[in-house]
Amino acid sequence: MDKMRDHLRELSLAEHLGRSHRLWRMAADAELVPLGLTHPRWTALWKLRRMGDGVAQKALADELEIELPSLMRTLAQLEQQQLIRRHCCDQDKRARIVWLTDAGRQLLEQMETLIIQVRLELLEGISEAELSQFEQTLQRISHNAQRKLAAKK
């Protein structure tokens, strides 16, 4: 265990992860700027597509791991661009439900092409086995972090 502690003092894993995340985000953002999308806008669209239409704003904010007021500003911008539409929930008039528009779906197709190209470029030289192991390791770290945070509540 002491050897592991010494290694962790020298290894800046969190720093590397943070830097990789920022660089990945910057690379994706740079490709999507011509589509008129900022990072918050395209990630909200991407997550909405994965979750499916008819999603409550609160559920979308939770999935994006951001505060609802931040998402509401982003959704207002996407609505102005006519990429989404929002309506009050029938069961809870305070809740708003989000749908993609046809224009939003078309833009997502363009986004997907660009994002896949960025991913291919960033993962160049990494084998399927290495990528699979890395994903498993990241999932384990996330699971451990969630467990630690839940224990603090």
Protein backbone atom coordinates (compact mmCIF):
# COMPACT_ATOMS: atom_id res chain seq x y z
CA MET A 1 0.00 0.00 0.00
CA ASP A 2 2.91 2.39 0.72
CA LYS A 3 4.26 1.81 -2.79
CA MET A 4 0.81 2.69 -4.19
CA ARG A 5 0.69 5.88 -2.07
CA ASP A 6 4.14 6.91 -3.34
CA HIS A 7 3.05 6.26 -6.91
CA LEU A 8 -0.12 8.33 -6.44
CA ARG A 9 1.90 11.25 -5.06
CA GLU A 10 3.91 11.33 -8.28
CA LEU A 11 1.10 10.47 -10.69
CA SER A 12 -1.18 13.35 -11.57
CA LEU A 13 -3.95 11.15 -12.95
CA ALA A 14 -6.71 13.64 -12.15
CA GLU A 15 -4.68 16.37 -13.84
CA HIS A 16 -4.22 14.21 -16.95
CA LEU A 17 -7.92 13.32 -17.01
CA GLY A 18 -8.91 16.95 -16.61
CA ARG A 19 -6.54 18.09 -19.35
CA SER A 20 -7.67 15.31 -21.70
CA HIS A 21 -11.29 16.27 -21.09
CA ARG A 22 -10.62 19.96 -21.79
CA LEU A 23 -8.67 19.21 -24.98
CA TRP A 24 -11.30 16.72 -26.21
CA ARG A 25 -14.01 19.29 -25.52
CA MET A 26 -12.07 22.04 -27.29
CA ALA A 27 -11.53 19.81 -30.34
CA ALA A 28 -15.23 18.94 -30.55
CA ASP A 29 -16.31 22.53 -29.90
CA ALA A 30 -14.05 23.83 -32.68
CA GLU A 31 -15.70 21.45 -35.17
CA LEU A 32 -19.22 22.43 -34.10
CA VAL A 33 -18.83 26.23 -34.05
CA PRO A 34 -19.67 26.48 -37.78
CA LEU A 35 -23.04 24.89 -36.96
CA GLY A 36 -23.79 27.76 -34.55
CA LEU A 37 -23.40 25.60 -31.46
CA THR A 38 -21.62 26.28 -28.21
CA HIS A 39 -20.57 23.45 -25.93
CA PRO A 40 -23.65 23.73 -23.67
CA ARG A 41 -25.96 23.76 -26.69
CA TRP A 42 -24.54 20.80 -28.53
CA THR A 43 -24.18 18.67 -25.39
CA ALA A 44 -27.81 19.39 -24.47
CA LEU A 45 -28.94 18.37 -27.97
CA TRP A 46 -26.75 15.27 -27.91
CA LYS A 47 -28.08 14.16 -24.51
CA LEU A 48 -31.69 14.91 -25.50
CA ARG A 49 -31.25 12.70 -28.55
CA ARG A 50 -29.92 9.87 -26.37
CA MET A 51 -32.73 10.25 -23.82
CA GLY A 52 -35.48 10.59 -26.42
CA ASP A 53 -38.18 13.18 -26.96
CA GLY A 54 -40.59 14.19 -24.24
CA VAL A 55 -37.95 14.57 -21.52
CA ALA A 56 -38.49 16.82 -18.52
CA GLN A 57 -36.02 19.69 -18.26
CA LYS A 58 -35.08 18.55 -14.75
CA ALA A 59 -34.27 15.02 -15.95
CA LEU A 60 -32.15 16.45 -18.76
CA ALA A 61 -30.28 18.71 -16.31
CA ASP A 62 -29.65 15.72 -14.03
CA GLU A 63 -28.28 13.66 -16.93
CA LEU A 64 -26.02 16.54 -17.97
CA GLU A 65 -24.99 16.97 -14.33
CA ILE A 66 -25.72 20.70 -14.39
CA GLU A 67 -28.07 22.98 -12.50
CA LEU A 68 -31.55 23.47 -13.95
CA PRO A 69 -31.22 27.30 -14.31
CA SER A 70 -28.10 26.85 -16.48
CA LEU A 71 -29.90 24.34 -18.68
CA MET A 72 -32.96 26.57 -18.97
CA ARG A 73 -30.82 29.35 -20.49
CA THR A 74 -29.33 26.88 -22.95
CA LEU A 75 -32.76 25.49 -23.85
CA ALA A 76 -34.09 29.01 -24.43
CA GLN A 77 -31.25 29.58 -26.90
CA LEU A 78 -31.94 26.25 -28.64
CA GLU A 79 -35.62 27.15 -28.80
CA GLN A 80 -34.73 30.50 -30.41
CA GLN A 81 -32.71 28.55 -32.99
CA GLN A 82 -35.83 26.40 -33.51
CA LEU A 83 -33.90 23.23 -32.67
CA ILE A 84 -36.16 22.22 -29.78
CA ARG A 85 -39.63 22.97 -28.48
CA ARG A 86 -40.86 22.97 -24.88
CA HIS A 87 -44.33 22.55 -23.44
CA CYS A 88 -45.80 22.35 -19.98
CA CYS A 89 -46.25 18.88 -18.60
CA ASP A 90 -49.88 17.71 -18.41
CA GLN A 91 -49.35 16.18 -14.95
CA ASP A 92 -47.28 19.02 -13.47
CA LYS A 93 -47.79 22.49 -14.92
CA ARG A 94 -44.51 23.68 -13.33
CA ALA A 95 -42.49 21.12 -15.30
CA ARG A 96 -41.50 21.69 -18.91
CA ILE A 97 -41.05 18.86 -21.41
CA VAL A 98 -38.50 19.08 -24.25
CA TRP A 99 -38.70 17.75 -27.82
CA LEU A 100 -36.36 18.00 -30.77
CA THR A 101 -37.70 19.73 -33.86
CA ASP A 102 -37.09 18.45 -37.38
CA ALA A 103 -34.40 21.12 -37.72
CA GLY A 104 -32.84 19.85 -34.48
CA ARG A 105 -32.78 16.29 -35.79
CA GLN A 106 -31.16 17.39 -39.05
CA LEU A 107 -28.54 19.36 -37.16
CA LEU A 108 -27.85 16.34 -34.96
CA GLU A 109 -27.08 14.28 -38.06
CA GLN A 110 -24.47 16.86 -39.07
CA MET A 111 -23.15 16.95 -35.50
CA GLU A 112 -22.80 13.18 -35.35
CA THR A 113 -20.66 13.12 -38.48
CA LEU A 114 -18.35 15.79 -37.05
CA ILE A 115 -18.18 14.26 -33.57
CA ILE A 116 -17.38 10.80 -34.89
CA GLN A 117 -14.57 12.29 -36.99
CA VAL A 118 -13.16 14.06 -33.92
CA ARG A 119 -13.35 10.83 -31.91
CA LEU A 120 -11.54 8.89 -34.65
CA GLU A 121 -8.78 11.48 -34.74
CA LEU A 122 -8.38 11.65 -30.96
CA LEU A 123 -8.38 7.86 -30.54
CA GLU A 124 -5.89 7.32 -33.36
CA GLY A 125 -3.25 4.74 -32.44
CA ILE A 126 -5.29 3.25 -29.60
CA SER A 127 -6.33 -0.37 -30.04
CA GLU A 128 -9.83 -1.69 -29.33
CA ALA A 129 -8.43 -3.64 -26.36
CA GLU A 130 -6.70 -0.56 -24.93
CA LEU A 131 -9.83 1.53 -25.36
CA SER A 132 -12.00 -1.14 -23.75
CA GLN A 133 -9.65 -1.42 -20.75
CA PHE A 134 -9.52 2.36 -20.41
CA GLU A 135 -13.32 2.62 -20.47
CA GLN A 136 -13.59 -0.08 -17.79
CA THR A 137 -11.05 1.76 -15.66
CA LEU A 138 -12.90 5.07 -16.02
CA GLN A 139 -16.18 3.37 -15.14
CA ARG A 140 -14.59 1.92 -12.00
CA ILE A 141 -13.24 5.34 -10.98
CA SER A 142 -16.68 6.92 -11.56
CA HIS A 143 -18.40 4.15 -9.59
CA ASN A 144 -15.96 4.55 -6.69
CA ALA A 145 -16.43 8.34 -6.70
CA GLN A 146 -20.23 8.00 -6.72
CA ARG A 147 -20.08 5.50 -3.87
CA LYS A 148 -17.85 7.84 -1.85
CA LEU A 149 -20.15 10.81 -2.46
CA ALA A 150 -23.24 8.78 -1.55
CA ALA A 151 -21.59 7.73 1.72
CA LYS A 152 -21.08 11.42 2.60
CA LYS A 153 -24.81 12.21 2.32
